[in-house]
Amino acid sequence: MTSFTPYSALLGGGIIATSVIILLLFNGRTAGISGIMHELLPPHYTHYGWRIAFLLGLVLGGFVFQLFSDDYAPPRQDSPLWLIGLGGFLVGIGSRYGSGCTSGHGVCGLASFSKRSLFATLTFMGFGGLSVFVIKHIIG
């Protein structure tokens, strides 16, 4: 993926916004992925039907996009599995300590003018950019 594609980005953002609005209108819930996932695990395990459907929709949406699009980023093949697992584990810990994940803070929190979400979004975007810089330009 080497070029900016504003139409697909606009369509994707519109789909995300629509799903957030539908979830808020019909369930009264914010579409924070870590919160939805957290409530599926014991001892919480509440209202699991819509939670499973929402998470499956996220995964299936990626597969459907891949089927109908020639312009998708293939998964990286050069990263060791332990590093991918460690990254996922650290993201999970960060989303618990940060009281939410990027989708909850960045999409829903900013839309509700939450100062905490603004700070969280600036923090993870800043450290994400710093991580890319370190990996690409310092580590090589």
N, C-alpha and C. Protein backbone atom coordinates (compact mmCIF):
# COMPACT_ATOMS: atom_id res chain seq x y z
N MET A 1 0.85 -1.17 0.00
CA MET A 1 0.00 0.00 0.00
C MET A 1 0.90 1.24 0.00
N THR A 2 0.95 1.93 -1.11
CA THR A 2 1.87 3.05 -1.22
C THR A 2 1.18 4.38 -1.48
N SER A 3 -0.11 4.39 -1.68
CA SER A 3 -0.78 5.64 -1.98
C SER A 3 -2.01 5.81 -1.10
N PHE A 4 -2.34 7.07 -0.86
CA PHE A 4 -3.52 7.39 -0.06
C PHE A 4 -4.77 7.19 -0.91
N THR A 5 -5.73 6.49 -0.35
CA THR A 5 -6.98 6.21 -1.08
C THR A 5 -8.13 6.83 -0.30
N PRO A 6 -8.47 8.08 -0.60
CA PRO A 6 -9.47 8.79 0.21
C PRO A 6 -10.87 8.17 0.15
N TYR A 7 -11.24 7.57 -0.97
CA TYR A 7 -12.60 7.04 -1.07
C TYR A 7 -12.80 5.81 -0.20
N SER A 8 -11.83 4.90 -0.22
CA SER A 8 -11.96 3.72 0.63
C SER A 8 -11.83 4.10 2.10
N ALA A 9 -10.98 5.10 2.42
CA ALA A 9 -10.86 5.56 3.80
C ALA A 9 -12.16 6.19 4.26
N LEU A 10 -12.78 6.98 3.42
CA LEU A 10 -14.06 7.61 3.76
C LEU A 10 -15.15 6.56 3.94
N LEU A 11 -15.18 5.57 3.06
CA LEU A 11 -16.17 4.50 3.18
C LEU A 11 -15.95 3.71 4.47
N GLY A 12 -14.70 3.36 4.77
CA GLY A 12 -14.40 2.63 6.00
C GLY A 12 -14.77 3.42 7.23
N GLY A 13 -14.44 4.70 7.26
CA GLY A 13 -14.82 5.55 8.38
C GLY A 13 -16.32 5.67 8.53
N GLY A 14 -17.03 5.74 7.41
CA GLY A 14 -18.49 5.81 7.46
C GLY A 14 -19.11 4.53 8.01
N ILE A 15 -18.53 3.39 7.63
CA ILE A 15 -19.03 2.10 8.15
C ILE A 15 -18.78 2.01 9.65
N ILE A 16 -17.59 2.43 10.09
CA ILE A 16 -17.29 2.42 11.53
C ILE A 16 -18.25 3.34 12.27
N ALA A 17 -18.45 4.54 11.77
CA ALA A 17 -19.37 5.48 12.42
C ALA A 17 -20.79 4.93 12.48
N THR A 18 -21.23 4.29 11.41
CA THR A 18 -22.57 3.71 11.39
C THR A 18 -22.71 2.60 12.43
N SER A 19 -21.69 1.75 12.55
CA SER A 19 -21.77 0.68 13.54
C SER A 19 -21.76 1.22 14.96
N VAL A 20 -20.99 2.28 15.20
CA VAL A 20 -20.95 2.91 16.52
C VAL A 20 -22.32 3.50 16.87
N ILE A 21 -22.92 4.18 15.90
CA ILE A 21 -24.23 4.79 16.14
C ILE A 21 -25.29 3.74 16.37
N ILE A 22 -25.29 2.67 15.58
CA ILE A 22 -26.28 1.60 15.75
C ILE A 22 -26.14 0.94 17.12
N LEU A 23 -24.92 0.65 17.54
CA LEU A 23 -24.70 0.04 18.85
C LEU A 23 -25.16 0.98 19.96
N LEU A 24 -24.88 2.25 19.85
CA LEU A 24 -25.30 3.20 20.87
C LEU A 24 -26.81 3.36 20.90
N LEU A 25 -27.45 3.42 19.74
CA LEU A 25 -28.91 3.60 19.70
C LEU A 25 -29.67 2.37 20.20
N PHE A 26 -29.24 1.18 19.78
CA PHE A 26 -30.00 -0.02 20.11
C PHE A 26 -29.57 -0.71 21.40
N ASN A 27 -28.31 -0.50 21.83
CA ASN A 27 -27.85 -1.15 23.06
C ASN A 27 -27.47 -0.15 24.15
N GLY A 28 -27.35 1.11 23.79
CA GLY A 28 -26.91 2.10 24.75
C GLY A 28 -25.47 1.92 25.17
N ARG A 29 -24.67 1.25 24.34
CA ARG A 29 -23.28 0.93 24.67
C ARG A 29 -22.32 1.64 23.72
N THR A 30 -21.15 1.96 24.26
CA THR A 30 -20.07 2.53 23.47
C THR A 30 -19.30 1.38 22.81
N ALA A 31 -18.88 1.57 21.59
CA ALA A 31 -18.21 0.51 20.83
C ALA A 31 -16.72 0.45 21.11
N GLY A 32 -16.34 0.27 22.37
CA GLY A 32 -14.94 0.06 22.72
C GLY A 32 -14.65 -1.43 22.67
N ILE A 33 -13.77 -1.84 21.82
CA ILE A 33 -13.53 -3.27 21.58
C ILE A 33 -13.01 -3.96 22.84
N SER A 34 -12.09 -3.31 23.57
CA SER A 34 -11.56 -3.97 24.78
C SER A 34 -12.65 -4.17 25.82
N GLY A 35 -13.56 -3.22 25.96
CA GLY A 35 -14.67 -3.37 26.90
C GLY A 35 -15.63 -4.47 26.48
N ILE A 36 -15.90 -4.55 25.19
CA ILE A 36 -16.78 -5.60 24.68
C ILE A 36 -16.15 -6.96 24.92
N MET A 37 -14.86 -7.07 24.65
CA MET A 37 -14.16 -8.34 24.86
C MET A 37 -14.06 -8.68 26.35
N HIS A 38 -13.77 -7.68 27.18
CA HIS A 38 -13.61 -7.91 28.62
C HIS A 38 -14.87 -8.50 29.24
N GLU A 39 -16.02 -8.03 28.81
CA GLU A 39 -17.28 -8.51 29.38
C GLU A 39 -17.63 -9.93 28.92
N LEU A 40 -16.89 -10.48 27.97
CA LEU A 40 -17.09 -11.86 27.55
C LEU A 40 -16.35 -12.85 28.45
N LEU A 41 -15.41 -12.34 29.22
CA LEU A 41 -14.56 -13.21 30.04
C LEU A 41 -15.11 -13.32 31.46
N PRO A 42 -14.89 -14.47 32.12
CA PRO A 42 -15.33 -14.62 33.50
C PRO A 42 -14.59 -13.62 34.39
N PRO A 43 -15.17 -13.11 35.42
CA PRO A 43 -16.47 -13.44 35.99
C PRO A 43 -17.61 -12.62 35.41
N HIS A 44 -17.33 -11.77 34.43
CA HIS A 44 -18.35 -10.86 33.91
C HIS A 44 -19.38 -11.59 33.04
N TYR A 45 -18.95 -12.07 31.91
CA TYR A 45 -19.74 -12.88 30.98
C TYR A 45 -21.21 -12.44 30.91
N THR A 46 -21.43 -11.21 30.49
CA THR A 46 -22.79 -10.68 30.42
C THR A 46 -23.17 -10.34 28.99
N HIS A 47 -24.42 -10.56 28.69
CA HIS A 47 -24.98 -10.18 27.38
C HIS A 47 -24.06 -10.60 26.23
N TYR A 48 -23.75 -11.87 26.18
CA TYR A 48 -22.73 -12.35 25.27
C TYR A 48 -23.17 -12.42 23.81
N GLY A 49 -24.44 -12.49 23.52
CA GLY A 49 -24.90 -12.65 22.14
C GLY A 49 -24.47 -11.51 21.23
N TRP A 50 -24.79 -10.29 21.60
CA TRP A 50 -24.43 -9.17 20.74
C TRP A 50 -22.93 -8.93 20.74
N ARG A 51 -22.26 -9.26 21.86
CA ARG A 51 -20.81 -9.07 21.94
C ARG A 51 -20.09 -10.00 20.95
N ILE A 52 -20.51 -11.26 20.92
CA ILE A 52 -19.90 -12.22 19.99
C ILE A 52 -20.20 -11.81 18.55
N ALA A 53 -21.43 -11.37 18.28
CA ALA A 53 -21.79 -10.94 16.93
C ALA A 53 -20.95 -9.73 16.51
N PHE A 54 -20.74 -8.79 17.42
CA PHE A 54 -19.95 -7.60 17.10
C PHE A 54 -18.51 -7.98 16.79
N LEU A 55 -17.90 -8.83 17.62
CA LEU A 55 -16.50 -9.22 17.41
C LEU A 55 -16.35 -10.07 16.15
N LEU A 56 -17.31 -10.96 15.89
CA LEU A 56 -17.27 -11.74 14.65
C LEU A 56 -17.40 -10.84 13.42
N GLY A 57 -18.23 -9.81 13.55
CA GLY A 57 -18.37 -8.85 12.46
C GLY A 57 -17.07 -8.14 12.14
N LEU A 58 -16.28 -7.85 13.16
CA LEU A 58 -14.97 -7.22 12.93
C LEU A 58 -14.07 -8.13 12.11
N VAL A 59 -14.02 -9.40 12.51
CA VAL A 59 -13.14 -10.36 11.82
C VAL A 59 -13.66 -10.65 10.42
N LEU A 60 -14.95 -10.92 10.31
CA LEU A 60 -15.53 -11.24 9.01
C LEU A 60 -15.46 -10.06 8.04
N GLY A 61 -15.55 -8.84 8.56
CA GLY A 61 -15.43 -7.66 7.71
C GLY A 61 -14.09 -7.61 7.01
N GLY A 62 -13.03 -7.98 7.72
CA GLY A 62 -11.71 -8.02 7.12
C GLY A 62 -11.61 -9.06 6.01
N PHE A 63 -12.21 -10.23 6.26
CA PHE A 63 -12.19 -11.28 5.23
C PHE A 63 -13.00 -10.88 4.01
N VAL A 64 -14.16 -10.26 4.22
CA VAL A 64 -15.00 -9.83 3.10
C VAL A 64 -14.26 -8.76 2.27
N PHE A 65 -13.62 -7.83 2.96
CA PHE A 65 -12.85 -6.80 2.25
C PHE A 65 -11.76 -7.44 1.40
N GLN A 66 -11.07 -8.41 1.97
CA GLN A 66 -9.99 -9.08 1.26
C GLN A 66 -10.50 -9.82 0.02
N LEU A 67 -11.70 -10.38 0.11
CA LEU A 67 -12.27 -11.10 -1.03
C LEU A 67 -12.59 -10.17 -2.20
N PHE A 68 -13.06 -8.97 -1.91
CA PHE A 68 -13.55 -8.09 -2.96
C PHE A 68 -12.59 -6.95 -3.34
N SER A 69 -11.42 -6.91 -2.74
CA SER A 69 -10.50 -5.82 -3.01
C SER A 69 -9.15 -6.36 -3.47
N ASP A 70 -8.58 -5.66 -4.44
CA ASP A 70 -7.23 -6.00 -4.90
C ASP A 70 -6.19 -5.18 -4.14
N ASP A 71 -6.63 -4.15 -3.42
CA ASP A 71 -5.72 -3.23 -2.75
C ASP A 71 -5.80 -3.41 -1.24
N TYR A 72 -5.20 -4.47 -0.75
CA TYR A 72 -5.15 -4.69 0.69
C TYR A 72 -3.72 -5.00 1.09
N ALA A 73 -3.43 -4.71 2.32
CA ALA A 73 -2.07 -4.97 2.83
C ALA A 73 -2.00 -6.41 3.31
N PRO A 74 -1.14 -7.23 2.70
CA PRO A 74 -1.02 -8.62 3.16
C PRO A 74 -0.39 -8.67 4.55
N PRO A 75 -0.70 -9.69 5.32
CA PRO A 75 -0.11 -9.79 6.66
C PRO A 75 1.40 -9.96 6.57
N ARG A 76 2.08 -9.43 7.56
CA ARG A 76 3.55 -9.57 7.59
C ARG A 76 3.92 -11.01 7.84
N GLN A 77 4.90 -11.48 7.11
CA GLN A 77 5.35 -12.85 7.23
C GLN A 77 6.71 -12.96 7.92
N ASP A 78 7.36 -11.81 8.14
CA ASP A 78 8.73 -11.86 8.65
C ASP A 78 8.85 -11.64 10.16
N SER A 79 7.73 -11.55 10.86
CA SER A 79 7.77 -11.37 12.30
C SER A 79 7.59 -12.71 13.00
N PRO A 80 8.43 -13.00 14.01
CA PRO A 80 8.27 -14.27 14.72
C PRO A 80 6.97 -14.28 15.53
N LEU A 81 6.39 -15.45 15.65
CA LEU A 81 5.11 -15.60 16.34
C LEU A 81 5.18 -15.12 17.79
N TRP A 82 6.30 -15.36 18.48
CA TRP A 82 6.41 -14.92 19.87
C TRP A 82 6.34 -13.40 19.97
N LEU A 83 6.88 -12.68 18.97
CA LEU A 83 6.86 -11.22 18.99
C LEU A 83 5.44 -10.70 18.74
N ILE A 84 4.72 -11.35 17.85
CA ILE A 84 3.32 -10.98 17.60
C ILE A 84 2.49 -11.22 18.87
N GLY A 85 2.70 -12.37 19.51
CA GLY A 85 2.00 -12.68 20.76
C GLY A 85 2.32 -11.68 21.86
N LEU A 86 3.59 -11.32 22.00
CA LEU A 86 4.00 -10.34 23.00
C LEU A 86 3.36 -8.99 22.73
N GLY A 87 3.31 -8.60 21.46
CA GLY A 87 2.66 -7.34 21.10
C GLY A 87 1.19 -7.33 21.46
N GLY A 88 0.50 -8.43 21.16
CA GLY A 88 -0.91 -8.53 21.52
C GLY A 88 -1.13 -8.48 23.02
N PHE A 89 -0.26 -9.16 23.76
CA PHE A 89 -0.34 -9.17 25.22
C PHE A 89 -0.15 -7.77 25.79
N LEU A 90 0.85 -7.04 25.28
CA LEU A 90 1.10 -5.68 25.76
C LEU A 90 -0.03 -4.72 25.40
N VAL A 91 -0.62 -4.90 24.24
CA VAL A 91 -1.78 -4.08 23.86
C VAL A 91 -2.95 -4.35 24.82
N GLY A 92 -3.15 -5.62 25.15
CA GLY A 92 -4.21 -5.96 26.10
C GLY A 92 -4.00 -5.34 27.47
N ILE A 93 -2.76 -5.39 27.96
CA ILE A 93 -2.45 -4.78 29.26
C ILE A 93 -2.65 -3.26 29.18
N GLY A 94 -2.16 -2.67 28.11
CA GLY A 94 -2.31 -1.22 27.95
C GLY A 94 -3.76 -0.77 27.88
N SER A 95 -4.59 -1.55 27.23
CA SER A 95 -6.00 -1.16 27.13
C SER A 95 -6.72 -1.30 28.47
N ARG A 96 -6.29 -2.22 29.30
CA ARG A 96 -6.87 -2.34 30.65
C ARG A 96 -6.43 -1.19 31.54
N TYR A 97 -5.13 -0.88 31.53
CA TYR A 97 -4.62 0.22 32.36
C TYR A 97 -5.09 1.57 31.84
N GLY A 98 -5.31 1.68 30.55
CA GLY A 98 -5.74 2.93 29.94
C GLY A 98 -7.24 3.12 29.94
N SER A 99 -7.96 2.20 30.58
CA SER A 99 -9.43 2.25 30.65
C SER A 99 -10.08 2.28 29.28
N GLY A 100 -9.51 1.55 28.35
CA GLY A 100 -10.09 1.45 27.03
C GLY A 100 -9.03 1.30 25.96
N CYS A 101 -9.50 1.01 24.77
CA CYS A 101 -8.59 0.77 23.65
C CYS A 101 -8.67 1.92 22.66
N THR A 102 -7.94 1.80 21.59
CA THR A 102 -7.90 2.87 20.59
C THR A 102 -9.27 3.16 19.99
N SER A 103 -10.05 2.13 19.77
CA SER A 103 -11.37 2.38 19.19
C SER A 103 -12.29 3.07 20.19
N GLY A 104 -12.22 2.66 21.43
CA GLY A 104 -13.07 3.28 22.45
C GLY A 104 -12.71 4.73 22.69
N HIS A 105 -11.42 5.01 22.88
CA HIS A 105 -10.99 6.38 23.13
C HIS A 105 -11.00 7.22 21.85
N GLY A 106 -10.41 6.68 20.78
CA GLY A 106 -10.23 7.46 19.56
C GLY A 106 -11.50 7.73 18.79
N VAL A 107 -12.39 6.77 18.74
CA VAL A 107 -13.63 6.96 17.98
C VAL A 107 -14.75 7.46 18.87
N CYS A 108 -15.06 6.71 19.91
CA CYS A 108 -16.22 7.04 20.75
C CYS A 108 -15.91 8.12 21.78
N GLY A 109 -14.73 8.03 22.42
CA GLY A 109 -14.39 9.00 23.45
C GLY A 109 -14.23 10.41 22.90
N LEU A 110 -13.54 10.53 21.77
CA LEU A 110 -13.38 11.85 21.17
C LEU A 110 -14.71 12.41 20.68
N ALA A 111 -15.56 11.54 20.18
CA ALA A 111 -16.88 12.00 19.70
C ALA A 111 -17.74 12.53 20.84
N SER A 112 -17.49 12.05 22.07
CA SER A 112 -18.25 12.54 23.22
C SER A 112 -17.49 13.63 23.98
N PHE A 113 -16.42 14.16 23.38
CA PHE A 113 -15.62 15.26 23.92
C PHE A 113 -15.00 14.93 25.29
N SER A 114 -14.59 13.69 25.47
CA SER A 114 -13.95 13.26 26.71
C SER A 114 -12.50 13.74 26.75
N LYS A 115 -12.13 14.48 27.80
CA LYS A 115 -10.75 14.95 27.95
C LYS A 115 -9.81 13.76 28.18
N ARG A 116 -10.28 12.77 28.94
CA ARG A 116 -9.47 11.58 29.19
C ARG A 116 -9.17 10.86 27.88
N SER A 117 -10.17 10.76 27.01
CA SER A 117 -9.97 10.10 25.73
C SER A 117 -9.04 10.91 24.81
N LEU A 118 -9.13 12.23 24.89
CA LEU A 118 -8.22 13.06 24.10
C LEU A 118 -6.78 12.81 24.54
N PHE A 119 -6.53 12.80 25.84
CA PHE A 119 -5.18 12.55 26.36
C PHE A 119 -4.71 11.14 25.98
N ALA A 120 -5.61 10.15 26.12
CA ALA A 120 -5.24 8.77 25.78
C ALA A 120 -4.91 8.66 24.29
N THR A 121 -5.71 9.28 23.43
CA THR A 121 -5.49 9.20 21.99
C THR A 121 -4.18 9.88 21.60
N LEU A 122 -3.92 11.05 22.16
CA LEU A 122 -2.65 11.73 21.87
C LEU A 122 -1.47 10.89 22.35
N THR A 123 -1.64 10.23 23.50
CA THR A 123 -0.56 9.41 24.05
C THR A 123 -0.27 8.21 23.16
N PHE A 124 -1.31 7.42 22.81
CA PHE A 124 -1.00 6.22 22.01
C PHE A 124 -0.61 6.56 20.58
N MET A 125 -1.11 7.65 20.02
CA MET A 125 -0.67 8.04 18.68
C MET A 125 0.79 8.51 18.72
N GLY A 126 1.14 9.27 19.75
CA GLY A 126 2.52 9.74 19.89
C GLY A 126 3.50 8.59 20.07
N PHE A 127 3.16 7.66 20.96
CA PHE A 127 4.06 6.53 21.18
C PHE A 127 4.06 5.56 20.00
N GLY A 128 2.96 5.48 19.28
CA GLY A 128 2.95 4.67 18.06
C GLY A 128 3.90 5.24 17.03
N GLY A 129 3.87 6.57 16.83
CA GLY A 129 4.79 7.21 15.90
C GLY A 129 6.23 7.07 16.35
N LEU A 130 6.47 7.21 17.65
CA LEU A 130 7.82 7.05 18.19
C LEU A 130 8.32 5.62 17.98
N SER A 131 7.45 4.64 18.17
CA SER A 131 7.83 3.23 17.97
C SER A 131 8.23 2.97 16.53
N VAL A 132 7.45 3.50 15.59
CA VAL A 132 7.77 3.32 14.17
C VAL A 132 9.11 3.97 13.86
N PHE A 133 9.34 5.18 14.39
CA PHE A 133 10.61 5.86 14.14
C PHE A 133 11.79 5.04 14.66
N VAL A 134 11.67 4.55 15.89
CA VAL A 134 12.75 3.77 16.49
C VAL A 134 13.02 2.50 15.69
N ILE A 135 11.95 1.77 15.35
CA ILE A 135 12.12 0.52 14.63
C ILE A 135 12.66 0.73 13.21
N LYS A 136 12.15 1.74 12.51
CA LYS A 136 12.55 1.97 11.12
C LYS A 136 13.92 2.65 11.00
N HIS A 137 14.19 3.64 11.86
CA HIS A 137 15.36 4.49 11.64
C HIS A 137 16.50 4.27 12.63
N ILE A 138 16.22 3.74 13.78
CA ILE A 138 17.30 3.54 14.75
C ILE A 138 17.72 2.06 14.78
N ILE A 139 16.74 1.16 14.92
CA ILE A 139 17.06 -0.26 14.95
C ILE A 139 17.36 -0.77 13.55
N GLY A 140 16.58 -0.29 12.60
CA GLY A 140 16.83 -0.64 11.20
C GLY A 140 16.01 -1.78 10.77
